[in-house]
Protein backbone atom coordinates (compact mmCIF):
# COMPACT_ATOMS: atom_id res chain seq x y z
CA UNK A 1 88.07 131.21 120.98
CA UNK A 2 85.74 133.73 119.46
CA UNK A 3 82.44 132.54 118.07
CA UNK A 4 80.43 134.06 115.30
CA UNK A 5 76.88 135.26 115.72
CA UNK A 6 74.39 137.10 113.57
CA UNK A 7 73.09 140.53 114.48
CA UNK A 8 69.59 141.40 113.27
CA UNK A 9 68.56 144.94 112.42
CA UNK A 10 65.75 145.95 114.77
CA UNK A 11 63.84 149.23 114.88
CA UNK A 12 61.42 149.48 117.80
CA UNK A 13 60.58 145.75 117.90
CA UNK A 14 60.80 145.40 114.12
CA UNK A 15 62.88 143.02 112.02
CA UNK A 16 63.70 142.84 108.33
CA UNK A 17 62.03 140.01 106.45
CA UNK A 18 61.09 139.96 102.80
CA UNK A 19 58.15 138.21 101.22
CA UNK A 20 60.24 135.12 100.50
CA UNK A 21 61.03 134.81 104.22
CA UNK A 22 64.63 135.94 103.79
CA UNK A 23 66.26 138.00 106.50
CA UNK A 24 69.15 140.37 105.90
CA UNK A 25 71.84 139.54 108.43
CA UNK A 26 75.16 141.11 109.39
CA UNK A 27 77.96 139.44 111.30
CA UNK A 28 79.83 140.30 114.46
CA UNK A 29 82.10 138.45 116.89
CA UNK A 30 80.92 136.99 120.17
CA UNK A 31 82.42 135.21 123.16
CA UNK A 32 79.29 133.10 123.62
CA UNK A 33 80.07 129.43 124.19
CA UNK A 34 78.22 127.35 121.63
CA UNK A 35 78.71 123.81 120.26
CA UNK A 36 81.14 123.33 117.37
CA UNK A 37 78.62 120.98 115.72
CA UNK A 38 74.84 120.81 115.83
CA UNK A 39 72.68 118.17 114.12
CA UNK A 40 75.78 117.06 112.24
CA UNK A 41 76.45 120.53 110.83
CA UNK A 42 79.51 122.64 111.69
CA UNK A 43 79.58 126.14 113.11
CA UNK A 44 80.08 128.74 110.35
CA UNK A 45 82.61 131.54 110.16
CA UNK A 46 82.53 134.80 108.22
CA UNK A 47 84.89 133.27 105.67
CA UNK A 48 82.51 130.33 105.16
CA UNK A 49 79.62 132.65 104.35
CA UNK A 50 81.48 135.11 102.15
CA UNK A 51 81.58 138.28 104.18
CA UNK A 52 79.54 140.29 106.63
CA UNK A 53 76.15 140.14 104.87
CA UNK A 54 73.88 137.14 104.32
CA UNK A 55 70.28 136.61 103.20
CA UNK A 56 68.94 133.78 105.33
CA UNK A 57 65.74 131.92 104.46
CA UNK A 58 64.28 131.60 107.94
CA UNK A 59 61.70 129.06 106.78
CA UNK A 60 64.41 126.73 105.47
CA UNK A 61 66.41 126.25 108.66
CA UNK A 62 65.97 124.45 111.96
CA UNK A 63 66.54 126.36 115.20
CA UNK A 64 67.40 125.66 118.82
CA UNK A 65 67.49 127.88 121.88
CA UNK A 66 69.65 127.88 125.01
CA UNK A 67 68.16 125.54 127.63
CA UNK A 68 65.81 123.83 125.16
CA UNK A 69 66.91 120.64 123.41
CA UNK A 70 63.82 120.56 121.19
CA UNK A 71 63.68 122.21 117.78
CA UNK A 72 61.68 125.44 117.82
CA UNK A 73 58.45 125.68 115.86
CA UNK A 74 58.30 128.35 113.13
CA UNK A 75 56.18 130.70 115.22
CA UNK A 76 58.52 130.16 118.19
CA UNK A 77 61.45 131.17 115.97
CA UNK A 78 59.67 134.39 115.06
CA UNK A 79 58.92 135.15 118.72
CA UNK A 80 62.57 134.67 119.71
CA UNK A 81 63.74 136.83 116.81
CA UNK A 82 61.33 139.58 117.79
CA UNK A 83 62.66 139.65 121.37
CA UNK A 84 66.05 141.06 120.23
CA UNK A 85 67.57 139.39 123.32
CA UNK A 86 69.50 136.68 121.51
CA UNK A 87 72.59 136.32 119.37
CA UNK A 88 72.54 133.68 116.69
CA UNK A 89 75.14 131.18 115.55
CA UNK A 90 74.73 129.61 112.08
CA UNK A 91 75.63 125.99 111.26
CA UNK A 92 76.38 124.92 107.69
CA UNK A 93 76.64 121.79 105.55
CA UNK A 94 79.55 120.82 103.27
CA UNK A 95 78.26 123.23 100.61
CA UNK A 96 78.31 126.08 103.13
CA UNK A 97 74.53 126.41 103.19
CA UNK A 98 73.07 127.45 106.55
CA UNK A 99 70.96 124.55 107.87
CA UNK A 100 70.64 125.25 111.60
CA UNK A 101 70.72 128.35 113.78
CA UNK A 102 71.30 128.45 117.52
CA UNK A 103 69.93 131.18 119.78
CA UNK A 104 72.04 132.07 122.82
CA UNK A 105 71.16 134.78 125.30
CA UNK A 106 72.87 138.07 124.50
CA UNK A 107 75.00 139.82 127.09
CA UNK A 108 74.19 143.39 128.09
CA UNK A 109 77.13 144.55 125.95
CA UNK A 110 75.79 142.68 122.93
CA UNK A 111 72.29 144.08 123.45
CA UNK A 112 73.72 147.59 123.65
CA UNK A 113 75.65 146.99 120.41
CA UNK A 114 72.51 145.81 118.58
CA UNK A 115 70.60 148.82 119.91
CA UNK A 116 73.34 151.14 118.67
CA UNK A 117 73.19 149.55 115.21
CA UNK A 118 69.47 150.30 114.94
CA UNK A 119 69.30 153.71 116.58
CA UNK A 120 70.17 155.88 113.58
CA UNK A 121 67.98 157.31 110.86
CA UNK A 122 68.41 159.79 108.05
CA UNK A 123 68.37 163.41 109.12
CA UNK A 124 64.82 164.62 109.55
CA UNK A 125 63.23 161.16 109.71
CA UNK A 126 61.41 159.54 112.60
CA UNK A 127 62.54 156.11 113.78
CA UNK A 128 61.14 153.58 111.31
CA UNK A 129 59.96 156.15 108.76
CA UNK A 130 60.16 154.88 105.16
CA UNK A 131 61.05 157.96 103.12
CA UNK A 132 61.26 156.02 99.82
CA UNK A 133 57.47 155.51 99.83
CA UNK A 134 56.51 159.06 100.67
CA UNK A 135 54.78 160.95 97.84
CA UNK A 136 54.51 157.79 95.73
CA UNK A 137 51.14 157.01 94.15
CA UNK A 138 49.28 153.96 95.36
CA UNK A 139 50.13 151.09 92.97
CA UNK A 140 47.33 149.33 91.11
CA UNK A 141 45.89 146.34 92.96
CA UNK A 142 42.68 144.49 93.69
CA UNK A 143 42.34 142.40 96.84
CA UNK A 144 39.58 140.52 98.67
CA UNK A 145 39.32 140.37 102.45
CA UNK A 146 38.43 137.32 104.54
CA UNK A 147 34.74 138.32 104.46
CA UNK A 148 34.64 138.39 100.65
CA UNK A 149 34.71 142.17 100.18
CA UNK A 150 36.92 143.47 97.35
CA UNK A 151 39.10 146.58 97.33
CA UNK A 152 40.50 148.19 94.20
CA UNK A 153 43.14 150.91 94.33
CA UNK A 154 41.32 153.00 91.72
CA UNK A 155 38.02 152.81 93.61
CA UNK A 156 39.78 153.92 96.80
CA UNK A 157 40.53 157.33 95.28
CA UNK A 158 38.53 159.95 97.19
CA UNK A 159 39.01 158.18 100.53
CA UNK A 160 41.76 158.22 103.12
CA UNK A 161 43.33 154.75 103.18
CA UNK A 162 45.30 153.29 106.08
CA UNK A 163 47.16 150.06 105.29
CA UNK A 164 48.78 147.74 107.83
CA UNK A 165 51.21 144.97 106.75
CA UNK A 166 51.45 142.19 109.35
CA UNK A 167 51.40 138.45 110.14
CA UNK A 168 50.18 136.45 113.10
CA UNK A 169 53.61 135.37 114.41
CA UNK A 170 54.85 138.98 114.52
CA UNK A 171 54.92 139.95 118.18
CA UNK A 172 54.83 143.76 117.74
CA UNK A 173 52.10 143.37 115.11
CA UNK A 174 49.95 141.64 117.73
CA UNK A 175 50.86 144.09 120.47
CA UNK A 176 49.46 147.04 118.54
CA UNK A 177 46.12 145.46 117.52
CA UNK A 178 44.13 146.85 120.50
CA UNK A 179 45.32 150.38 119.64
CA UNK A 180 44.56 149.84 115.96
CA UNK A 181 41.03 148.76 116.86
CA UNK A 182 40.60 152.01 118.82
CA UNK A 183 41.90 153.91 115.80
CA UNK A 184 39.20 152.38 113.59
CA UNK A 185 36.53 153.27 116.15
CA UNK A 186 37.73 156.89 116.15
CA UNK A 187 36.93 157.26 112.45
CA UNK A 188 33.77 155.18 112.13
CA UNK A 189 31.90 158.24 110.78
CA UNK A 190 34.66 159.36 108.41
CA UNK A 191 35.66 158.30 104.89
CA UNK A 192 38.64 156.28 106.09
CA UNK A 193 39.32 152.73 104.91
CA UNK A 194 41.47 150.51 107.12
CA UNK A 195 43.03 147.52 105.36
CA UNK A 196 45.29 144.93 107.01
CA UNK A 197 47.37 143.01 104.46
CA UNK A 198 48.46 139.77 106.11
CA UNK A 199 51.02 137.17 105.05
CA UNK A 200 48.87 134.35 106.47
CA UNK A 201 46.17 132.25 104.84
CA UNK A 202 42.47 132.96 105.39
CA UNK A 203 42.16 129.88 107.63
CA UNK A 204 45.07 130.95 109.83
CA UNK A 205 43.68 134.47 110.10
CA UNK A 206 40.17 133.36 111.04
CA UNK A 207 41.57 131.08 113.75
CA UNK A 208 43.64 133.96 115.08
CA UNK A 209 40.85 136.55 114.96
CA UNK A 210 38.48 134.24 116.84
CA UNK A 211 40.78 134.74 119.84
CA UNK A 212 42.20 138.16 119.00
CA UNK A 213 39.60 140.49 117.45
CA UNK A 214 41.05 142.77 114.78
CA UNK A 215 38.56 145.16 113.15
CA UNK A 216 40.60 146.21 110.11
CA UNK A 217 39.46 144.78 106.75
CA UNK A 218 41.83 141.82 106.74
CA UNK A 219 43.26 140.53 103.46
CA UNK A 220 44.96 137.09 103.45
CA UNK A 221 47.92 135.83 101.41
CA UNK A 222 49.26 139.34 100.76
CA UNK A 223 52.93 138.49 100.19
CA UNK A 224 52.78 139.55 96.54
CA UNK A 225 51.28 142.91 97.48
CA UNK A 226 53.88 143.41 100.23
CA UNK A 227 56.49 142.88 97.54
CA UNK A 228 54.73 145.38 95.27
CA UNK A 229 55.00 148.02 98.01
CA UNK A 230 58.57 146.99 98.82
CA UNK A 231 57.71 146.20 102.44
CA UNK A 232 60.59 144.51 104.27
CA UNK A 233 59.73 145.09 107.93
CA UNK A 234 56.71 144.28 110.05
CA UNK A 235 54.50 145.84 111.11
CA UNK A 236 54.47 148.54 108.40
CA UNK A 237 51.81 151.25 108.18
CA UNK A 238 51.06 153.29 105.06
CA UNK A 239 48.71 156.30 104.94
CA UNK A 240 47.26 157.36 101.59
CA UNK A 241 45.47 160.65 100.91
CA UNK A 242 42.28 161.12 98.86
CA UNK A 243 44.32 161.59 95.70
CA UNK A 244 45.93 158.18 96.06
CA UNK A 245 49.29 159.56 97.20
CA UNK A 246 51.25 158.00 100.08
CA UNK A 247 51.79 160.72 102.68
CA UNK A 248 53.36 158.64 105.43
CA UNK A 249 54.93 155.20 105.81
CA UNK A 250 56.47 153.77 108.95
CA UNK A 251 57.72 150.39 110.12
CA UNK A 252 58.16 148.98 113.59
CA UNK A 253 56.37 149.67 116.85
CA UNK A 254 57.03 152.45 119.31
CA UNK A 255 55.02 154.62 121.68
CA UNK A 256 54.71 157.27 118.96
CA UNK A 257 53.54 155.00 116.11
CA UNK A 258 49.77 155.22 116.64
CA UNK A 259 49.65 158.90 117.69
CA UNK A 260 51.59 159.87 114.55
CA UNK A 261 49.28 157.79 112.35
CA UNK A 262 46.28 159.45 113.99
CA UNK A 263 47.74 162.91 113.46
CA UNK A 264 48.16 162.23 109.73
CA UNK A 265 44.61 160.89 109.43
CA UNK A 266 43.22 163.92 111.27
CA UNK A 267 44.97 166.21 108.83
CA UNK A 268 43.54 164.34 105.84
CA UNK A 269 39.91 164.04 106.93
CA UNK A 270 39.48 167.73 107.83
């Protein structure tokens, strides 16, 4: 009997998650053998959930993984999601609300299918490029970083601004930090401002940075600002010119991400 699993849209280690922790999910069929019931909830079908699209609040569900009988912690859930190596079965209550998800290892065929789903872009775009933000003016905002320094969008006019949206449980976000630190060092004598807008609290960020140095100007609790920019995938990088106009925006992580960012900065500081 065919089972139902959820396929997540990935672009170079990136997944879609909005500032309310909802993930846009599409359905497909799978032959994976999974339990019919889990924690008292029954396995869902497409008919149960009203079609092929679903917004799932990842922070409102429990999760299990093949070979592990213990519930996953929230950060563990994020790590598994970021791996793109698992298919996911949803379990629902009597009101057809998803309460539990189960991760089972994807077959090579399933991995290839997920890769195919995420391998297309609009003509002329790079993988992960966000064309909707290009040429938009920087929206009005004022933020304060974890060291107490304030940044105002109006006062940033006249400088090149590089903004990184991230959070500490985002695996590709963490993977690129050493390269981002090198990027900052490259422009230490230039009028370039590097701001990292994080979804985590100041306490969580300070604990993380104690072990993982990150030399951007790090702003905590930036969910509202991520929403203002319309950011749905992490990491996301935005480059703003001296006139306050967004010249490049890209989500996800690939070998070309940092070199492309650097090329844009070089063109703006000359």
